Amino acid sequence: MTQLKFCKTCPICGRKTLIPIQCFGKEITCGHCHSDFRATAPTGNRANESELMDRADSLLATSSGGRLS
């Protein structure tokens, strides 16, 4: 099964990383510089984040046969 991911740039070192969609909105650690940051939409716009979370939930429900864990 394909794992859905999104791209996020580390705010400290600027490296782009692919983050599993399940981590959206959570604190993650950069694999390069080891700084901690929240996996959010690049704009930081709360309305946009809400739309992305709704889309992520929809995609997860579709890919898991309707079950969210």
N, C-alpha and C. Protein backbone atom coordinates (compact mmCIF):
# COMPACT_ATOMS: atom_id res chain seq x y z
N MET A 1 0.84 -1.18 0.00
CA MET A 1 0.00 0.00 0.00
C MET A 1 0.89 1.24 0.00
N THR A 2 0.51 2.22 -0.81
CA THR A 2 1.26 3.46 -0.91
C THR A 2 0.98 4.33 0.31
N GLN A 3 2.06 4.86 0.89
CA GLN A 3 1.89 5.75 2.04
C GLN A 3 1.84 7.18 1.52
N LEU A 4 0.82 7.94 1.92
CA LEU A 4 0.67 9.32 1.50
C LEU A 4 1.62 10.20 2.30
N LYS A 5 2.29 11.11 1.60
CA LYS A 5 3.25 12.01 2.24
C LYS A 5 3.07 13.42 1.70
N PHE A 6 3.56 14.40 2.45
CA PHE A 6 3.59 15.77 1.97
C PHE A 6 4.98 16.34 2.21
N CYS A 7 5.32 17.37 1.45
CA CYS A 7 6.66 17.96 1.53
C CYS A 7 6.63 19.16 2.47
N LYS A 8 7.62 19.25 3.32
CA LYS A 8 7.76 20.37 4.25
C LYS A 8 9.23 20.77 4.31
N THR A 9 9.48 22.07 4.36
CA THR A 9 10.84 22.58 4.48
C THR A 9 11.13 22.85 5.95
N CYS A 10 12.27 22.38 6.42
CA CYS A 10 12.69 22.63 7.80
C CYS A 10 12.91 24.14 7.98
N PRO A 11 12.30 24.75 9.00
CA PRO A 11 12.46 26.19 9.21
C PRO A 11 13.86 26.58 9.68
N ILE A 12 14.66 25.62 10.10
CA ILE A 12 16.01 25.91 10.58
C ILE A 12 17.05 25.77 9.47
N CYS A 13 17.12 24.58 8.85
CA CYS A 13 18.18 24.33 7.87
C CYS A 13 17.71 24.48 6.42
N GLY A 14 16.39 24.52 6.20
CA GLY A 14 15.88 24.72 4.86
C GLY A 14 15.79 23.46 4.01
N ARG A 15 16.14 22.31 4.57
CA ARG A 15 16.05 21.06 3.82
C ARG A 15 14.60 20.64 3.68
N LYS A 16 14.24 20.14 2.51
CA LYS A 16 12.89 19.62 2.28
C LYS A 16 12.86 18.16 2.69
N THR A 17 11.73 17.76 3.26
CA THR A 17 11.57 16.38 3.67
C THR A 17 10.15 15.92 3.37
N LEU A 18 10.00 14.65 3.07
CA LEU A 18 8.68 14.07 2.87
C LEU A 18 8.20 13.51 4.20
N ILE A 19 7.02 13.95 4.61
CA ILE A 19 6.48 13.60 5.91
C ILE A 19 5.21 12.79 5.72
N PRO A 20 5.07 11.66 6.40
CA PRO A 20 3.83 10.89 6.30
C PRO A 20 2.63 11.74 6.71
N ILE A 21 1.55 11.63 5.96
CA ILE A 21 0.36 12.44 6.20
C ILE A 21 -0.18 12.26 7.62
N GLN A 22 0.08 11.10 8.24
CA GLN A 22 -0.38 10.86 9.61
C GLN A 22 0.30 11.79 10.62
N CYS A 23 1.44 12.38 10.23
CA CYS A 23 2.19 13.27 11.13
C CYS A 23 1.77 14.72 10.99
N PHE A 24 0.84 15.03 10.07
CA PHE A 24 0.42 16.41 9.86
C PHE A 24 -0.12 17.01 11.16
N GLY A 25 0.39 18.17 11.53
CA GLY A 25 -0.03 18.84 12.75
C GLY A 25 0.74 18.44 13.98
N LYS A 26 1.63 17.47 13.87
CA LYS A 26 2.40 16.99 15.02
C LYS A 26 3.82 17.56 14.99
N GLU A 27 4.48 17.50 16.14
CA GLU A 27 5.88 17.90 16.22
C GLU A 27 6.73 16.79 15.60
N ILE A 28 7.65 17.17 14.73
CA ILE A 28 8.56 16.21 14.12
C ILE A 28 9.99 16.73 14.26
N THR A 29 10.95 15.88 13.99
CA THR A 29 12.36 16.24 14.07
C THR A 29 12.97 16.15 12.68
N CYS A 30 13.71 17.19 12.29
CA CYS A 30 14.40 17.20 11.00
C CYS A 30 15.48 16.11 11.00
N GLY A 31 15.49 15.32 9.95
CA GLY A 31 16.48 14.26 9.84
C GLY A 31 17.88 14.78 9.57
N HIS A 32 17.99 16.05 9.15
CA HIS A 32 19.30 16.61 8.82
C HIS A 32 19.91 17.36 10.01
N CYS A 33 19.18 18.36 10.53
CA CYS A 33 19.75 19.21 11.59
C CYS A 33 19.22 18.86 12.98
N HIS A 34 18.24 17.94 13.05
CA HIS A 34 17.66 17.45 14.30
C HIS A 34 16.87 18.50 15.08
N SER A 35 16.45 19.59 14.40
CA SER A 35 15.60 20.57 15.08
C SER A 35 14.16 20.07 15.07
N ASP A 36 13.38 20.49 16.05
CA ASP A 36 11.98 20.10 16.16
C ASP A 36 11.11 21.21 15.56
N PHE A 37 10.09 20.81 14.81
CA PHE A 37 9.13 21.76 14.28
C PHE A 37 7.82 21.04 14.02
N ARG A 38 6.76 21.83 13.85
CA ARG A 38 5.42 21.26 13.62
C ARG A 38 5.23 21.03 12.12
N ALA A 39 4.72 19.86 11.78
CA ALA A 39 4.46 19.50 10.39
C ALA A 39 3.15 20.14 9.96
N THR A 40 3.23 21.35 9.42
CA THR A 40 2.05 22.10 9.02
C THR A 40 2.15 22.51 7.56
N ALA A 41 1.11 23.16 7.08
CA ALA A 41 1.11 23.69 5.72
C ALA A 41 2.20 24.76 5.61
N PRO A 42 2.83 24.89 4.45
CA PRO A 42 3.91 25.86 4.27
C PRO A 42 3.51 27.29 4.58
N THR A 43 2.25 27.67 4.36
CA THR A 43 1.82 29.05 4.58
C THR A 43 1.60 29.36 6.05
N GLY A 44 1.32 28.34 6.87
CA GLY A 44 1.02 28.56 8.27
C GLY A 44 -0.38 29.13 8.47
N ASN A 45 -1.17 29.16 7.42
CA ASN A 45 -2.53 29.69 7.46
C ASN A 45 -3.45 28.69 8.13
N ARG A 46 -4.13 29.07 9.21
CA ARG A 46 -4.98 28.15 9.98
C ARG A 46 -6.14 27.61 9.14
N ALA A 47 -6.74 28.46 8.30
CA ALA A 47 -7.85 28.00 7.46
C ALA A 47 -7.34 26.95 6.48
N ASN A 48 -6.17 27.19 5.91
CA ASN A 48 -5.57 26.26 4.96
C ASN A 48 -5.22 24.95 5.66
N GLU A 49 -4.72 25.02 6.88
CA GLU A 49 -4.39 23.81 7.64
C GLU A 49 -5.63 22.98 7.89
N SER A 50 -6.74 23.64 8.20
CA SER A 50 -7.99 22.93 8.44
C SER A 50 -8.45 22.21 7.18
N GLU A 51 -8.35 22.88 6.04
CA GLU A 51 -8.71 22.26 4.77
C GLU A 51 -7.82 21.06 4.49
N LEU A 52 -6.52 21.20 4.75
CA LEU A 52 -5.58 20.10 4.51
C LEU A 52 -5.86 18.93 5.45
N MET A 53 -6.20 19.22 6.70
CA MET A 53 -6.52 18.15 7.64
C MET A 53 -7.78 17.40 7.20
N ASP A 54 -8.79 18.14 6.72
CA ASP A 54 -10.00 17.50 6.21
C ASP A 54 -9.68 16.62 5.02
N ARG A 55 -8.82 17.12 4.12
CA ARG A 55 -8.45 16.33 2.95
C ARG A 55 -7.65 15.10 3.37
N ALA A 56 -6.73 15.28 4.32
CA ALA A 56 -5.93 14.15 4.80
C ALA A 56 -6.82 13.08 5.43
N ASP A 57 -7.80 13.50 6.24
CA ASP A 57 -8.73 12.55 6.84
C ASP A 57 -9.51 11.79 5.77
N SER A 58 -9.94 12.53 4.74
CA SER A 58 -10.68 11.91 3.65
C SER A 58 -9.82 10.89 2.91
N LEU A 59 -8.58 11.25 2.61
CA LEU A 59 -7.68 10.34 1.92
C LEU A 59 -7.35 9.12 2.77
N LEU A 60 -7.14 9.33 4.06
CA LEU A 60 -6.85 8.21 4.95
C LEU A 60 -8.05 7.26 5.04
N ALA A 61 -9.25 7.83 5.11
CA ALA A 61 -10.45 7.00 5.18
C ALA A 61 -10.59 6.16 3.90
N THR A 62 -10.27 6.77 2.78
CA THR A 62 -10.36 6.07 1.50
C THR A 62 -9.31 4.97 1.41
N SER A 63 -8.09 5.26 1.83
CA SER A 63 -7.01 4.29 1.70
C SER A 63 -7.07 3.16 2.73
N SER A 64 -7.76 3.41 3.85
CA SER A 64 -7.85 2.37 4.89
C SER A 64 -9.21 1.67 4.90
N GLY A 65 -9.96 1.84 3.84
CA GLY A 65 -11.27 1.19 3.77
C GLY A 65 -12.30 1.82 4.68
N GLY A 66 -12.13 3.14 4.96
CA GLY A 66 -13.12 3.84 5.77
C GLY A 66 -12.81 3.84 7.25
N ARG A 67 -11.71 3.27 7.67
CA ARG A 67 -11.38 3.21 9.10
C ARG A 67 -10.22 4.15 9.42
N LEU A 68 -10.40 5.04 10.34
CA LEU A 68 -9.32 5.90 10.84
C LEU A 68 -8.90 5.37 12.19
N SER A 69 -7.60 5.31 12.43
CA SER A 69 -7.15 4.82 13.73
C SER A 69 -6.64 5.94 14.59
